[in-house]
Amino acid sequence: MLPKRTFVQAKQKFHLSQREPLFKRNKSSIQAKESLCSSEIKAPFKQKRTLAILNAKISRTAYILLIEKT
């Protein structure tokens, strides 16, 4: 049987080899964020307009509720 110290070292090496390097993970998350931003920019005008209308309706409803409360 292996001494405990060599077993622990082997275990650590195994875990390190299983993980992606830190810079690789950061790079992929940055790319994901960039693609998300670019897709928002390329969103069709109609979609943006719908969002604006929804936001206006929500804020108007909130304003009406605020007036009713007071």
C-alpha atoms as a PDB file:
ATOM      1  CA  MET A   1       0.000   0.000   0.000  1.00  0.00           C
ATOM      2  CA  LEU A   2       1.131   3.558  -0.777  1.00  0.00           C
ATOM      3  CA  PRO A   3       2.197   5.841   2.041  1.00  0.00           C
ATOM      4  CA  LYS A   4      -0.452   8.430   2.867  1.00  0.00           C
ATOM      5  CA  ARG A   5       1.665  11.361   1.658  1.00  0.00           C
ATOM      6  CA  THR A   6       2.154   9.981  -1.865  1.00  0.00           C
ATOM      7  CA  PHE A   7      -1.525   9.066  -2.023  1.00  0.00           C
ATOM      8  CA  VAL A   8      -2.516  12.649  -1.159  1.00  0.00           C
ATOM      9  CA  GLN A   9      -0.087  14.025  -3.758  1.00  0.00           C
ATOM     10  CA  ALA A  10      -1.458  11.697  -6.426  1.00  0.00           C
ATOM     11  CA  LYS A  11      -4.989  12.742  -5.510  1.00  0.00           C
ATOM     12  CA  GLN A  12      -4.075  16.444  -5.790  1.00  0.00           C
ATOM     13  CA  LYS A  13      -2.437  15.904  -9.179  1.00  0.00           C
ATOM     14  CA  PHE A  14      -5.538  14.094 -10.404  1.00  0.00           C
ATOM     15  CA  HIS A  15      -7.840  16.912  -9.287  1.00  0.00           C
ATOM     16  CA  LEU A  16      -5.587  19.552 -10.848  1.00  0.00           C
ATOM     17  CA  SER A  17      -5.547  17.686 -14.149  1.00  0.00           C
ATOM     18  CA  GLN A  18      -9.370  17.459 -14.119  1.00  0.00           C
ATOM     19  CA  ARG A  19      -9.879  21.209 -13.758  1.00  0.00           C
ATOM     20  CA  GLU A  20      -9.616  23.687 -16.603  1.00  0.00           C
ATOM     21  CA  PRO A  21      -6.931  26.317 -16.155  1.00  0.00           C
ATOM     22  CA  LEU A  22      -8.299  29.477 -14.564  1.00  0.00           C
ATOM     23  CA  PHE A  23      -7.499  31.730 -17.524  1.00  0.00           C
ATOM     24  CA  LYS A  24      -9.378  29.398 -19.871  1.00  0.00           C
ATOM     25  CA  ARG A  25     -12.529  29.543 -17.755  1.00  0.00           C
ATOM     26  CA  ASN A  26     -12.324  33.328 -17.461  1.00  0.00           C
ATOM     27  CA  LYS A  27     -11.819  33.681 -21.201  1.00  0.00           C
ATOM     28  CA  SER A  28     -14.896  31.598 -21.990  1.00  0.00           C
ATOM     29  CA  SER A  29     -17.074  33.522 -19.531  1.00  0.00           C
ATOM     30  CA  ILE A  30     -15.881  36.822 -21.023  1.00  0.00           C
ATOM     31  CA  GLN A  31     -16.727  35.555 -24.517  1.00  0.00           C
ATOM     32  CA  ALA A  32     -20.185  34.509 -23.323  1.00  0.00           C
ATOM     33  CA  LYS A  33     -20.804  37.982 -21.883  1.00  0.00           C
ATOM     34  CA  GLU A  34     -19.585  39.639 -25.090  1.00  0.00           C
ATOM     35  CA  SER A  35     -21.872  37.527 -27.255  1.00  0.00           C
ATOM     36  CA  LEU A  36     -24.804  38.341 -24.968  1.00  0.00           C
ATOM     37  CA  CYS A  37     -24.104  42.066 -25.306  1.00  0.00           C
ATOM     38  CA  SER A  38     -23.732  41.884 -29.080  1.00  0.00           C
ATOM     39  CA  SER A  39     -27.012  39.970 -29.409  1.00  0.00           C
ATOM     40  CA  GLU A  40     -28.763  42.718 -27.417  1.00  0.00           C
ATOM     41  CA  ILE A  41     -27.335  45.341 -29.755  1.00  0.00           C
ATOM     42  CA  LYS A  42     -28.421  43.369 -32.839  1.00  0.00           C
ATOM     43  CA  ALA A  43     -31.921  42.815 -31.439  1.00  0.00           C
ATOM     44  CA  PRO A  44     -34.599  43.820 -33.943  1.00  0.00           C
ATOM     45  CA  PHE A  45     -36.157  47.253 -33.547  1.00  0.00           C
ATOM     46  CA  LYS A  46     -39.602  45.734 -32.992  1.00  0.00           C
ATOM     47  CA  GLN A  47     -38.357  43.770 -29.986  1.00  0.00           C
ATOM     48  CA  LYS A  48     -36.829  46.891 -28.415  1.00  0.00           C
ATOM     49  CA  ARG A  49     -40.049  48.816 -29.083  1.00  0.00           C
ATOM     50  CA  THR A  50     -42.113  46.093 -27.398  1.00  0.00           C
ATOM     51  CA  LEU A  51     -39.846  46.256 -24.356  1.00  0.00           C
ATOM     52  CA  ALA A  52     -40.194  50.035 -24.225  1.00  0.00           C
ATOM     53  CA  ILE A  53     -43.990  49.762 -24.393  1.00  0.00           C
ATOM     54  CA  LEU A  54     -44.014  47.136 -21.633  1.00  0.00           C
ATOM     55  CA  ASN A  55     -41.793  49.294 -19.428  1.00  0.00           C
ATOM     56  CA  ALA A  56     -44.069  52.283 -20.006  1.00  0.00           C
ATOM     57  CA  LYS A  57     -47.166  50.252 -19.107  1.00  0.00           C
ATOM     58  CA  ILE A  58     -45.519  48.913 -15.952  1.00  0.00           C
ATOM     59  CA  SER A  59     -44.386  52.356 -14.798  1.00  0.00           C
ATOM     60  CA  ARG A  60     -47.806  53.872 -15.598  1.00  0.00           C
ATOM     61  CA  THR A  61     -49.537  51.134 -13.587  1.00  0.00           C
ATOM     62  CA  ALA A  62     -47.156  51.708 -10.683  1.00  0.00           C
ATOM     63  CA  TYR A  63     -47.851  55.459 -10.843  1.00  0.00           C
ATOM     64  CA  ILE A  64     -51.639  54.893 -10.841  1.00  0.00           C
ATOM     65  CA  LEU A  65     -51.338  52.559  -7.846  1.00  0.00           C
ATOM     66  CA  LEU A  66     -49.228  55.149  -6.041  1.00  0.00           C
ATOM     67  CA  ILE A  67     -51.864  57.839  -6.637  1.00  0.00           C
ATOM     68  CA  GLU A  68     -54.656  55.520  -5.452  1.00  0.00           C
ATOM     69  CA  LYS A  69     -52.736  54.726  -2.266  1.00  0.00           C
ATOM     70  CA  THR A  70     -52.325  58.384  -1.262  1.00  0.00           C
END
